[in-house]
Amino acid sequence: MRIVTWNVNGIRAAIRKGIDRFFEKIDADVWMLQEVRCLEEQLPKDWSIPSGYEMILHPAEKKGYSGVATISNTEMIEEGRGMKGTIDPNDSEGRVLVTKHDDVLLVNTYLPSGSSKEERQQYKETWMSQWRDFIRPLLQSDYTVIVAGDLNIAHTGNDIWNPKGNAKTSGFLPHEREWFSDLLGDGWYDLFREHVGPDEKIYSWWSNRGQARAKDRGWRIDYLLGNEAARDRMKSVEIDRQGGLEVSDHAPVILDLH
């Protein structure tokens, strides 16, 4: 089974830039997309998802903002949207979509960014705490559980090209990184790191400024986290940098399961 997570930075723009080529090339069973920034009725009239797939789109209430979508060629059952009883109980920003695919449970997540202003950083940190509580019980599930998406945090110095220069930047703040360590301490596995080891510096997002993509000055903020069953089934994980050069400012992250 092949599963991909990808922040597409606006699905309408991604379609114009050729995302269909990557659907064909990567040939995944499930695509978890973030930052789709589109209502269903806003999708291009001459575009459709690949033949044999179905899509669940969970947009934000605000047009042109946030939102996630999961596309699958296996039977897909929607298990829920958002996190009840939290800072955004109706998930008005379209950030969490839970689906089941045979014996695999997927949590498509787009964690808020805190880079725009202090109020959003505070919102992000509250959301982080509540989301960690939301996914923790899934560790006890009988399913293979994959929690994937743009988590807007680079965990270690090997997940960012300039750790010293970004030590005070949202997404690499010491307490954000500590939170990520605690998240893994709960029992989640960073499947990319499990596969490639701790020292590889391979990124999944690049700023549009300063020739960051051309110079490969990026951050790894797109993750596939798994429970123990997922780690046991993991065959490989890779980041397709070309997708981040042609379609989005993020690259697709590809997981193959036995």
C-alpha atoms as a PDB file:
ATOM      1  CA  MET A   1       0.000   0.000   0.000  1.00  0.00           C
ATOM      2  CA  ARG A   2       1.403   3.386  -0.984  1.00  0.00           C
ATOM      3  CA  ILE A   3       0.371   6.483   1.008  1.00  0.00           C
ATOM      4  CA  VAL A   4       1.389  10.061   0.220  1.00  0.00           C
ATOM      5  CA  THR A   5       1.074  13.261   2.230  1.00  0.00           C
ATOM      6  CA  TRP A   6       1.441  16.572   0.366  1.00  0.00           C
ATOM      7  CA  ASN A   7       0.729  20.205   1.141  1.00  0.00           C
ATOM      8  CA  VAL A   8      -0.317  21.316  -2.347  1.00  0.00           C
ATOM      9  CA  ASN A   9      -0.405  25.071  -1.596  1.00  0.00           C
ATOM     10  CA  GLY A  10      -3.799  25.459  -3.288  1.00  0.00           C
ATOM     11  CA  ILE A  11      -5.177  22.555  -5.297  1.00  0.00           C
ATOM     12  CA  ARG A  12      -6.417  24.771  -8.133  1.00  0.00           C
ATOM     13  CA  ALA A  13      -2.926  26.186  -8.623  1.00  0.00           C
ATOM     14  CA  ALA A  14      -1.457  22.680  -8.276  1.00  0.00           C
ATOM     15  CA  ILE A  15      -3.743  21.421 -11.048  1.00  0.00           C
ATOM     16  CA  ARG A  16      -2.550  24.234 -13.319  1.00  0.00           C
ATOM     17  CA  LYS A  17       1.067  23.346 -12.513  1.00  0.00           C
ATOM     18  CA  GLY A  18       0.636  19.675 -13.378  1.00  0.00           C
ATOM     19  CA  ILE A  19      -0.208  17.744 -10.221  1.00  0.00           C
ATOM     20  CA  ASP A  20      -1.884  15.116 -12.414  1.00  0.00           C
ATOM     21  CA  ARG A  21       1.570  14.105 -13.696  1.00  0.00           C
ATOM     22  CA  PHE A  22       2.572  13.281 -10.135  1.00  0.00           C
ATOM     23  CA  PHE A  23      -0.650  11.394  -9.461  1.00  0.00           C
ATOM     24  CA  GLU A  24       0.291   9.207 -12.425  1.00  0.00           C
ATOM     25  CA  LYS A  25       4.021   8.997 -11.713  1.00  0.00           C
ATOM     26  CA  ILE A  26       3.809   8.209  -7.989  1.00  0.00           C
ATOM     27  CA  ASP A  27       0.746   5.974  -8.370  1.00  0.00           C
ATOM     28  CA  ALA A  28      -0.274   5.995  -4.709  1.00  0.00           C
ATOM     29  CA  ASP A  29      -3.254   4.202  -3.215  1.00  0.00           C
ATOM     30  CA  VAL A  30      -4.030   7.123  -0.916  1.00  0.00           C
ATOM     31  CA  TRP A  31      -3.205  10.827  -1.142  1.00  0.00           C
ATOM     32  CA  MET A  32      -3.546  13.044   1.927  1.00  0.00           C
ATOM     33  CA  LEU A  33      -3.491  16.653   0.757  1.00  0.00           C
ATOM     34  CA  GLN A  34      -3.275  19.780   2.894  1.00  0.00           C
ATOM     35  CA  GLU A  35      -3.841  23.472   2.204  1.00  0.00           C
ATOM     36  CA  VAL A  36      -6.260  22.687  -0.611  1.00  0.00           C
ATOM     37  CA  ARG A  37      -7.804  26.180  -0.243  1.00  0.00           C
ATOM     38  CA  CYS A  38     -10.873  25.242  -2.262  1.00  0.00           C
ATOM     39  CA  LEU A  39     -14.556  24.420  -1.904  1.00  0.00           C
ATOM     40  CA  GLU A  40     -15.818  21.484  -3.954  1.00  0.00           C
ATOM     41  CA  GLU A  41     -17.781  23.772  -6.282  1.00  0.00           C
ATOM     42  CA  GLN A  42     -14.615  25.807  -6.927  1.00  0.00           C
ATOM     43  CA  LEU A  43     -12.701  22.903  -8.458  1.00  0.00           C
ATOM     44  CA  PRO A  44     -12.010  23.389 -12.178  1.00  0.00           C
ATOM     45  CA  LYS A  45     -14.939  22.118 -14.236  1.00  0.00           C
ATOM     46  CA  ASP A  46     -12.620  20.363 -16.690  1.00  0.00           C
ATOM     47  CA  TRP A  47     -10.703  18.497 -13.957  1.00  0.00           C
ATOM     48  CA  SER A  48     -11.532  15.285 -12.170  1.00  0.00           C
ATOM     49  CA  ILE A  49      -9.695  13.060  -9.734  1.00  0.00           C
ATOM     50  CA  PRO A  50      -7.884  10.075 -11.274  1.00  0.00           C
ATOM     51  CA  SER A  51     -10.105   7.258 -12.523  1.00  0.00           C
ATOM     52  CA  GLY A  52     -10.813   4.660  -9.851  1.00  0.00           C
ATOM     53  CA  TYR A  53     -10.320   7.067  -6.950  1.00  0.00           C
ATOM     54  CA  GLU A  54     -12.743   8.848  -4.648  1.00  0.00           C
ATOM     55  CA  MET A  55     -12.131  12.083  -2.760  1.00  0.00           C
ATOM     56  CA  ILE A  56     -13.323  13.457   0.550  1.00  0.00           C
ATOM     57  CA  LEU A  57     -12.767  17.208   0.658  1.00  0.00           C
ATOM     58  CA  HIS A  58     -12.872  18.944   4.039  1.00  0.00           C
ATOM     59  CA  PRO A  59     -12.521  22.656   3.281  1.00  0.00           C
ATOM     60  CA  ALA A  60     -12.233  25.599   5.621  1.00  0.00           C
ATOM     61  CA  GLU A  61     -15.289  27.817   6.004  1.00  0.00           C
ATOM     62  CA  LYS A  62     -13.204  30.768   4.812  1.00  0.00           C
ATOM     63  CA  LYS A  63     -12.774  30.648   1.046  1.00  0.00           C
ATOM     64  CA  GLY A  64      -9.237  30.299  -0.254  1.00  0.00           C
ATOM     65  CA  TYR A  65      -7.864  29.179   3.111  1.00  0.00           C
ATOM     66  CA  SER A  66      -6.507  25.979   4.633  1.00  0.00           C
ATOM     67  CA  GLY A  67      -8.520  22.751   4.155  1.00  0.00           C
ATOM     68  CA  VAL A  68      -7.563  19.105   3.650  1.00  0.00           C
ATOM     69  CA  ALA A  69      -8.598  16.332   1.264  1.00  0.00           C
ATOM     70  CA  THR A  70      -8.022  12.586   1.122  1.00  0.00           C
ATOM     71  CA  ILE A  71      -8.097  10.740  -2.203  1.00  0.00           C
ATOM     72  CA  SER A  72      -8.173   6.929  -2.273  1.00  0.00           C
ATOM     73  CA  ASN A  73      -8.458   4.016  -4.669  1.00  0.00           C
ATOM     74  CA  THR A  74      -9.265   1.646  -1.791  1.00  0.00           C
ATOM     75  CA  GLU A  75     -12.609   1.623  -0.006  1.00  0.00           C
ATOM     76  CA  MET A  76     -12.631   4.739   2.170  1.00  0.00           C
ATOM     77  CA  ILE A  77     -14.857   5.300   5.187  1.00  0.00           C
ATOM     78  CA  GLU A  78     -14.973   8.731   6.789  1.00  0.00           C
ATOM     79  CA  GLU A  79     -14.484   8.429  10.546  1.00  0.00           C
ATOM     80  CA  GLY A  80     -14.620  12.097  11.498  1.00  0.00           C
ATOM     81  CA  ARG A  81     -13.647  15.698  10.946  1.00  0.00           C
ATOM     82  CA  GLY A  82     -11.961  17.962  13.449  1.00  0.00           C
ATOM     83  CA  MET A  83     -11.586  17.563  17.200  1.00  0.00           C
ATOM     84  CA  LYS A  84     -14.725  17.928  19.292  1.00  0.00           C
ATOM     85  CA  GLY A  85     -14.596  20.056  22.437  1.00  0.00           C
ATOM     86  CA  THR A  86     -11.468  21.964  21.443  1.00  0.00           C
ATOM     87  CA  ILE A  87     -10.438  25.465  20.405  1.00  0.00           C
ATOM     88  CA  ASP A  88     -12.150  24.907  17.016  1.00  0.00           C
ATOM     89  CA  PRO A  89     -14.858  22.285  17.767  1.00  0.00           C
ATOM     90  CA  ASN A  90     -16.437  22.513  14.311  1.00  0.00           C
ATOM     91  CA  ASP A  91     -13.030  22.495  12.598  1.00  0.00           C
ATOM     92  CA  SER A  92     -13.927  25.677  10.752  1.00  0.00           C
ATOM     93  CA  GLU A  93     -10.364  25.870   9.411  1.00  0.00           C
ATOM     94  CA  GLY A  94     -10.567  22.373   7.866  1.00  0.00           C
ATOM     95  CA  ARG A  95      -7.526  20.871   9.574  1.00  0.00           C
ATOM     96  CA  VAL A  96      -8.345  17.257  10.528  1.00  0.00           C
ATOM     97  CA  LEU A  97      -9.907  14.454   8.486  1.00  0.00           C
ATOM     98  CA  VAL A  98      -9.925  10.845   9.740  1.00  0.00           C
ATOM     99  CA  THR A  99     -10.563   8.010   7.285  1.00  0.00           C
ATOM    100  CA  LYS A 100     -10.400   4.222   7.359  1.00  0.00           C
ATOM    101  CA  HIS A 101      -9.019   2.096   4.516  1.00  0.00           C
ATOM    102  CA  ASP A 102      -9.422  -1.626   5.247  1.00  0.00           C
ATOM    103  CA  ASP A 103      -7.122  -2.171   8.242  1.00  0.00           C
ATOM    104  CA  VAL A 104      -5.423   1.241   7.996  1.00  0.00           C
ATOM    105  CA  LEU A 105      -6.627   4.347   9.847  1.00  0.00           C
ATOM    106  CA  LEU A 106      -5.403   7.686   8.483  1.00  0.00           C
ATOM    107  CA  VAL A 107      -5.428  11.073  10.198  1.00  0.00           C
ATOM    108  CA  ASN A 108      -4.908  13.835   7.638  1.00  0.00           C
ATOM    109  CA  THR A 109      -3.678  16.917   9.533  1.00  0.00           C
ATOM    110  CA  TYR A 110      -2.772  20.495   8.701  1.00  0.00           C
ATOM    111  CA  LEU A 111      -1.350  21.997  11.875  1.00  0.00           C
ATOM    112  CA  PRO A 112      -1.690  25.791  12.144  1.00  0.00           C
ATOM    113  CA  SER A 113       1.217  28.084  11.416  1.00  0.00           C
ATOM    114  CA  GLY A 114       2.278  30.642  13.976  1.00  0.00           C
ATOM    115  CA  SER A 115       4.470  32.755  11.717  1.00  0.00           C
ATOM    116  CA  SER A 116       2.032  35.553  10.859  1.00  0.00           C
ATOM    117  CA  LYS A 117       1.481  37.084  14.305  1.00  0.00           C
ATOM    118  CA  GLU A 118       1.692  36.331  18.031  1.00  0.00           C
ATOM    119  CA  GLU A 119      -2.030  35.560  18.321  1.00  0.00           C
ATOM    120  CA  ARG A 120      -1.678  32.797  15.741  1.00  0.00           C
ATOM    121  CA  GLN A 121       1.349  31.380  17.555  1.00  0.00           C
ATOM    122  CA  GLN A 122      -0.756  31.162  20.723  1.00  0.00           C
ATOM    123  CA  TYR A 123      -3.565  29.544  18.745  1.00  0.00           C
ATOM    124  CA  LYS A 124      -1.076  27.083  17.250  1.00  0.00           C
ATOM    125  CA  GLU A 125       0.246  26.048  20.645  1.00  0.00           C
ATOM    126  CA  THR A 126      -3.239  25.495  22.082  1.00  0.00           C
ATOM    127  CA  TRP A 127      -4.117  23.480  18.982  1.00  0.00           C
ATOM    128  CA  MET A 128      -0.928  21.425  19.302  1.00  0.00           C
ATOM    129  CA  SER A 129      -1.761  20.450  22.876  1.00  0.00           C
ATOM    130  CA  GLN A 130      -5.339  19.503  22.036  1.00  0.00           C
ATOM    131  CA  TRP A 131      -4.344  17.592  18.908  1.00  0.00           C
ATOM    132  CA  ARG A 132      -1.776  15.550  20.840  1.00  0.00           C
ATOM    133  CA  ASP A 133      -4.535  14.572  23.281  1.00  0.00           C
ATOM    134  CA  PHE A 134      -6.835  13.795  20.349  1.00  0.00           C
ATOM    135  CA  ILE A 135      -4.489  11.350  18.619  1.00  0.00           C
ATOM    136  CA  ARG A 136      -2.977   9.699  21.724  1.00  0.00           C
ATOM    137  CA  PRO A 137      -5.841   7.163  22.194  1.00  0.00           C
ATOM    138  CA  LEU A 138      -5.306   5.992  18.610  1.00  0.00           C
ATOM    139  CA  LEU A 139      -2.050   4.395  19.733  1.00  0.00           C
ATOM    140  CA  GLN A 140      -4.194   1.692  21.360  1.00  0.00           C
ATOM    141  CA  SER A 141      -6.074   0.992  18.127  1.00  0.00           C
ATOM    142  CA  ASP A 142      -6.061  -2.459  16.549  1.00  0.00           C
ATOM    143  CA  TYR A 143      -5.532  -0.744  13.186  1.00  0.00           C
ATOM    144  CA  THR A 144      -2.364   0.351  11.454  1.00  0.00           C
ATOM    145  CA  VAL A 145      -2.536   4.068  12.251  1.00  0.00           C
ATOM    146  CA  ILE A 146      -0.828   6.766  10.182  1.00  0.00           C
ATOM    147  CA  VAL A 147      -0.986  10.405  11.284  1.00  0.00           C
ATOM    148  CA  ALA A 148       0.246  12.502   8.389  1.00  0.00           C
ATOM    149  CA  GLY A 149       0.426  16.032   7.136  1.00  0.00           C
ATOM    150  CA  ASP A 150       2.037  19.427   7.354  1.00  0.00           C
ATOM    151  CA  LEU A 151       2.813  19.825  11.060  1.00  0.00           C
ATOM    152  CA  ASN A 152       4.600  23.192  10.667  1.00  0.00           C
ATOM    153  CA  ILE A 153       7.459  22.187  12.981  1.00  0.00           C
ATOM    154  CA  ALA A 154      10.988  21.059  12.151  1.00  0.00           C
ATOM    155  CA  HIS A 155      11.866  18.661  14.936  1.00  0.00           C
ATOM    156  CA  THR A 156      15.669  18.516  14.992  1.00  0.00           C
ATOM    157  CA  GLY A 157      18.649  20.417  13.656  1.00  0.00           C
ATOM    158  CA  ASN A 158      18.804  17.901  10.814  1.00  0.00           C
ATOM    159  CA  ASP A 159      15.294  18.893   9.733  1.00  0.00           C
ATOM    160  CA  ILE A 160      16.242  22.472   8.831  1.00  0.00           C
ATOM    161  CA  TRP A 161      19.038  23.959   6.766  1.00  0.00           C
ATOM    162  CA  ASN A 162      20.000  26.747   9.227  1.00  0.00           C
ATOM    163  CA  PRO A 163      19.103  25.688  12.773  1.00  0.00           C
ATOM    164  CA  LYS A 164      21.133  28.384  14.508  1.00  0.00           C
ATOM    165  CA  GLY A 165      19.645  31.189  12.432  1.00  0.00           C
ATOM    166  CA  ASN A 166      16.086  29.921  12.982  1.00  0.00           C
ATOM    167  CA  ALA A 167      16.239  29.258  16.715  1.00  0.00           C
ATOM    168  CA  LYS A 168      13.742  32.063  17.365  1.00  0.00           C
ATOM    169  CA  THR A 169      11.529  31.361  14.355  1.00  0.00           C
ATOM    170  CA  SER A 170       8.042  29.889  14.685  1.00  0.00           C
ATOM    171  CA  GLY A 171       8.237  26.281  13.628  1.00  0.00           C
ATOM    172  CA  PHE A 172      11.656  25.762  15.220  1.00  0.00           C
ATOM    173  CA  LEU A 173      11.166  27.273  18.666  1.00  0.00           C
ATOM    174  CA  PRO A 174      12.701  25.216  21.497  1.00  0.00           C
ATOM    175  CA  HIS A 175       9.353  24.491  23.149  1.00  0.00           C
ATOM    176  CA  GLU A 176       7.814  23.451  19.808  1.00  0.00           C
ATOM    177  CA  ARG A 177      10.653  20.995  19.253  1.00  0.00           C
ATOM    178  CA  GLU A 178      10.283  19.716  22.825  1.00  0.00           C
ATOM    179  CA  TRP A 179       6.559  19.196  22.181  1.00  0.00           C
ATOM    180  CA  PHE A 180       7.462  17.113  19.129  1.00  0.00           C
ATOM    181  CA  SER A 181       9.839  15.000  21.193  1.00  0.00           C
ATOM    182  CA  ASP A 182       7.050  14.475  23.736  1.00  0.00           C
ATOM    183  CA  LEU A 183       4.708  13.481  20.895  1.00  0.00           C
ATOM    184  CA  LEU A 184       7.142  10.760  19.845  1.00  0.00           C
ATOM    185  CA  GLY A 185       7.503   9.838  23.500  1.00  0.00           C
ATOM    186  CA  ASP A 186       3.796   9.024  23.553  1.00  0.00           C
ATOM    187  CA  GLY A 187       4.566   6.142  21.203  1.00  0.00           C
ATOM    188  CA  TRP A 188       4.416   7.606  17.691  1.00  0.00           C
ATOM    189  CA  TYR A 189       7.230   6.862  15.248  1.00  0.00           C
ATOM    190  CA  ASP A 190       8.577   9.395  12.760  1.00  0.00           C
ATOM    191  CA  LEU A 191       8.577   6.908   9.898  1.00  0.00           C
ATOM    192  CA  PHE A 192      10.926   8.933   7.694  1.00  0.00           C
ATOM    193  CA  ARG A 193      13.559   9.002  10.429  1.00  0.00           C
ATOM    194  CA  GLU A 194      12.939   5.338  11.205  1.00  0.00           C
ATOM    195  CA  HIS A 195      13.737   4.565   7.574  1.00  0.00           C
ATOM    196  CA  VAL A 196      16.634   6.906   6.737  1.00  0.00           C
ATOM    197  CA  GLY A 197      18.197   7.395  10.175  1.00  0.00           C
ATOM    198  CA  PRO A 198      18.726  10.546  12.275  1.00  0.00           C
ATOM    199  CA  ASP A 199      21.420  12.319  10.268  1.00  0.00           C
ATOM    200  CA  GLU A 200      20.037  12.690   6.739  1.00  0.00           C
ATOM    201  CA  LYS A 201      19.203  16.315   5.883  1.00  0.00           C
ATOM    202  CA  ILE A 202      16.357  15.987   3.391  1.00  0.00           C
ATOM    203  CA  TYR A 203      13.694  18.690   3.307  1.00  0.00           C
ATOM    204  CA  SER A 204      10.031  18.866   2.336  1.00  0.00           C
ATOM    205  CA  TRP A 205       9.355  22.636   2.248  1.00  0.00           C
ATOM    206  CA  TRP A 206      11.236  25.625   0.856  1.00  0.00           C
ATOM    207  CA  SER A 207      10.562  29.331   1.170  1.00  0.00           C
ATOM    208  CA  ASN A 208       9.781  31.216  -2.019  1.00  0.00           C
ATOM    209  CA  ARG A 209      12.428  33.751  -1.055  1.00  0.00           C
ATOM    210  CA  GLY A 210      16.189  33.811  -1.469  1.00  0.00           C
ATOM    211  CA  GLN A 211      16.426  30.990  -4.022  1.00  0.00           C
ATOM    212  CA  ALA A 212      15.717  28.565  -1.192  1.00  0.00           C
ATOM    213  CA  ARG A 213      14.493  25.797  -3.494  1.00  0.00           C
ATOM    214  CA  ALA A 214      17.350  26.132  -5.973  1.00  0.00           C
ATOM    215  CA  LYS A 215      19.874  26.061  -3.124  1.00  0.00           C
ATOM    216  CA  ASP A 216      17.953  23.365  -1.203  1.00  0.00           C
ATOM    217  CA  ARG A 217      17.669  25.546   1.892  1.00  0.00           C
ATOM    218  CA  GLY A 218      14.561  23.946   3.320  1.00  0.00           C
ATOM    219  CA  TRP A 219      12.712  22.557   6.298  1.00  0.00           C
ATOM    220  CA  ARG A 220      11.261  19.101   6.888  1.00  0.00           C
ATOM    221  CA  ILE A 221       7.810  19.882   8.276  1.00  0.00           C
ATOM    222  CA  ASP A 222       5.708  17.261   6.466  1.00  0.00           C
ATOM    223  CA  TYR A 223       5.467  14.019   8.407  1.00  0.00           C
ATOM    224  CA  LEU A 224       4.172  10.476   8.414  1.00  0.00           C
ATOM    225  CA  LEU A 225       3.818   9.376  12.028  1.00  0.00           C
ATOM    226  CA  GLY A 226       2.820   5.793  12.738  1.00  0.00           C
ATOM    227  CA  ASN A 227       1.939   3.485  15.585  1.00  0.00           C
ATOM    228  CA  GLU A 228       3.956   0.324  16.169  1.00  0.00           C
ATOM    229  CA  ALA A 229       1.911  -1.626  13.635  1.00  0.00           C
ATOM    230  CA  ALA A 230       2.700   1.007  10.998  1.00  0.00           C
ATOM    231  CA  ARG A 231       6.418   0.892  11.788  1.00  0.00           C
ATOM    232  CA  ASP A 232       6.373  -2.902  11.500  1.00  0.00           C
ATOM    233  CA  ARG A 233       4.712  -2.686   8.058  1.00  0.00           C
ATOM    234  CA  MET A 234       6.927   0.134   6.748  1.00  0.00           C
ATOM    235  CA  LYS A 235       8.893  -0.769   3.624  1.00  0.00           C
ATOM    236  CA  SER A 236      10.246   2.664   2.625  1.00  0.00           C
ATOM    237  CA  VAL A 237       9.712   6.418   2.989  1.00  0.00           C
ATOM    238  CA  GLU A 238      10.980   9.018   0.558  1.00  0.00           C
ATOM    239  CA  ILE A 239      10.542  12.706  -0.224  1.00  0.00           C
ATOM    240  CA  ASP A 240      10.018  13.518  -3.907  1.00  0.00           C
ATOM    241  CA  ARG A 241      11.759  16.884  -4.177  1.00  0.00           C
ATOM    242  CA  GLN A 242      10.688  17.345  -7.788  1.00  0.00           C
ATOM    243  CA  GLY A 243       7.086  17.764  -6.675  1.00  0.00           C
ATOM    244  CA  GLY A 244       8.208  20.667  -4.531  1.00  0.00           C
ATOM    245  CA  LEU A 245       9.969  22.264  -7.476  1.00  0.00           C
ATOM    246  CA  GLU A 246       7.158  21.949 -10.020  1.00  0.00           C
ATOM    247  CA  VAL A 247       3.806  21.940  -8.200  1.00  0.00           C
ATOM    248  CA  SER A 248       3.996  23.340  -4.664  1.00  0.00           C
ATOM    249  CA  ASP A 249       6.424  24.851  -2.186  1.00  0.00           C
ATOM    250  CA  HIS A 250       6.153  21.464  -0.418  1.00  0.00           C
ATOM    251  CA  ALA A 251       7.254  18.072  -1.711  1.00  0.00           C
ATOM    252  CA  PRO A 252       5.183  14.901  -1.508  1.00  0.00           C
ATOM    253  CA  VAL A 253       6.292  12.421   1.168  1.00  0.00           C
ATOM    254  CA  ILE A 254       5.766   8.821   0.076  1.00  0.00           C
ATOM    255  CA  LEU A 255       5.283   5.824   2.379  1.00  0.00           C
ATOM    256  CA  ASP A 256       5.210   2.210   1.163  1.00  0.00           C
ATOM    257  CA  LEU A 257       3.744  -0.411   3.474  1.00  0.00           C
ATOM    258  CA  HIS A 258       4.067  -4.183   3.270  1.00  0.00           C
END
